[in-house]
Amino acid sequence: MRGLGIECENPQDLTSAPANTTTCQVWPEHAQVLAVFMDCLAQFELVVGMGGVQWLAARAVNVEQVMRWHGVPRQRQPALWALYRVMQDEAVIFLNERRGR
């Protein structure tokens, strides 16, 4: 998470941080997707090729498993997946831009 500029071990901490701190706050309805995202960071892939190294998103099957571990009901998974993809896509862009510096 530090690579993405987030200094937090527990996503629940982000929902209750005082407004005058430098910590970002997360709406309670997004805490679950943030927890899934944080647990999926280790699933991102770093590939090496002729053009250098590049970060790739976590595989969908791995994200689905993490959702199960977090107890996300099956009927909620599509909505959570959509939120997760926004976070993941932005993280991959950020990581690849950061790598190029």
Protein backbone atom coordinates (compact mmCIF):
# COMPACT_ATOMS: atom_id res chain seq x y z
CA MET A 1 0.00 0.00 0.00
CA ARG A 2 2.89 2.36 0.61
CA GLY A 3 3.75 2.12 -3.09
CA LEU A 4 0.32 3.59 -3.79
CA GLY A 5 0.72 6.30 -1.15
CA ILE A 6 -1.52 4.67 1.47
CA GLU A 7 -0.10 4.28 4.97
CA CYS A 8 -2.56 1.86 6.55
CA GLU A 9 -2.55 -1.77 7.63
CA ASN A 10 -6.30 -2.11 8.28
CA PRO A 11 -8.86 -0.68 5.82
CA GLN A 12 -11.33 -0.18 8.68
CA ASP A 13 -8.93 2.45 10.07
CA LEU A 14 -9.55 4.58 7.00
CA THR A 15 -13.27 4.92 7.74
CA SER A 16 -12.70 6.53 11.13
CA ALA A 17 -9.65 8.72 10.64
CA PRO A 18 -10.02 12.31 11.87
CA ALA A 19 -10.60 14.77 9.04
CA ASN A 20 -7.56 16.89 9.99
CA THR A 21 -5.03 14.09 9.36
CA THR A 22 -3.18 13.36 6.14
CA THR A 23 -4.82 9.92 5.99
CA CYS A 24 -7.48 9.58 3.34
CA GLN A 25 -10.95 8.63 4.50
CA VAL A 26 -13.04 5.88 2.95
CA TRP A 27 -16.82 5.79 2.97
CA PRO A 28 -18.05 2.81 5.01
CA GLU A 29 -19.77 1.32 1.95
CA HIS A 30 -16.37 1.15 0.22
CA ALA A 31 -14.44 -0.38 3.13
CA GLN A 32 -15.11 -3.95 1.97
CA VAL A 33 -13.85 -3.34 -1.56
CA LEU A 34 -10.77 -1.60 -0.16
CA ALA A 35 -10.09 -4.62 2.05
CA VAL A 36 -10.38 -6.93 -0.96
CA PHE A 37 -8.13 -4.61 -2.99
CA MET A 38 -5.48 -4.52 -0.25
CA ASP A 39 -5.47 -8.30 0.00
CA CYS A 40 -5.16 -8.61 -3.79
CA LEU A 41 -2.10 -6.35 -4.09
CA ALA A 42 0.16 -9.38 -3.65
CA GLN A 43 -1.62 -10.93 -6.64
CA PHE A 44 -0.54 -8.21 -9.08
CA GLU A 45 1.95 -9.59 -11.57
CA LEU A 46 5.23 -8.07 -12.66
CA VAL A 47 6.23 -9.26 -16.11
CA VAL A 48 9.57 -8.79 -17.80
CA GLY A 49 9.87 -8.62 -21.56
CA MET A 50 11.89 -7.03 -24.33
CA GLY A 51 10.28 -3.67 -23.55
CA GLY A 52 11.16 -3.80 -19.87
CA VAL A 53 9.00 -4.57 -16.86
CA GLN A 54 5.29 -3.94 -16.53
CA TRP A 55 2.71 -4.42 -13.79
CA LEU A 56 -0.39 -6.43 -14.68
CA ALA A 57 -3.66 -6.66 -12.78
CA ALA A 58 -4.49 -9.56 -10.49
CA ARG A 59 -6.21 -12.47 -12.19
CA ALA A 60 -9.99 -12.49 -11.81
CA VAL A 61 -10.01 -15.99 -10.30
CA ASN A 62 -7.67 -14.80 -7.54
CA VAL A 63 -9.85 -11.77 -6.82
CA GLU A 64 -12.92 -13.99 -6.66
CA GLN A 65 -11.20 -16.20 -4.09
CA VAL A 66 -10.26 -13.20 -1.96
CA MET A 67 -13.90 -12.08 -2.07
CA ARG A 68 -14.91 -15.50 -0.77
CA TRP A 69 -12.37 -15.25 2.06
CA HIS A 70 -13.88 -11.87 2.95
CA GLY A 71 -17.34 -13.42 3.05
CA VAL A 72 -18.76 -11.37 0.16
CA PRO A 73 -22.16 -12.87 -0.72
CA ARG A 74 -22.37 -14.26 -4.26
CA GLN A 75 -25.10 -11.78 -5.24
CA ARG A 76 -22.90 -8.83 -4.16
CA GLN A 77 -19.78 -9.97 -6.02
CA PRO A 78 -20.63 -8.36 -9.40
CA ALA A 79 -21.13 -4.94 -7.80
CA LEU A 80 -17.98 -5.31 -5.71
CA TRP A 81 -16.07 -6.50 -8.78
CA ALA A 82 -17.02 -3.30 -10.64
CA LEU A 83 -15.73 -1.15 -7.76
CA TYR A 84 -12.62 -3.28 -7.44
CA ARG A 85 -11.81 -2.94 -11.15
CA VAL A 86 -11.79 0.86 -10.88
CA MET A 87 -9.26 0.69 -8.05
CA GLN A 88 -7.19 -1.99 -9.74
CA ASP A 89 -7.07 -0.25 -13.12
CA GLU A 90 -5.94 3.02 -11.53
CA ALA A 91 -3.34 1.21 -9.41
CA VAL A 92 -1.86 -0.51 -12.47
CA ILE A 93 -1.65 2.81 -14.32
CA PHE A 94 0.00 4.43 -11.28
CA LEU A 95 2.47 1.59 -10.75
CA ASN A 96 3.51 1.54 -14.40
CA GLU A 97 3.91 5.32 -14.54
CA ARG A 98 5.92 5.22 -11.32
CA ARG A 99 8.17 2.52 -12.74
CA GLY A 100 8.98 4.76 -15.69
CA ARG A 101 10.38 7.60 -13.56
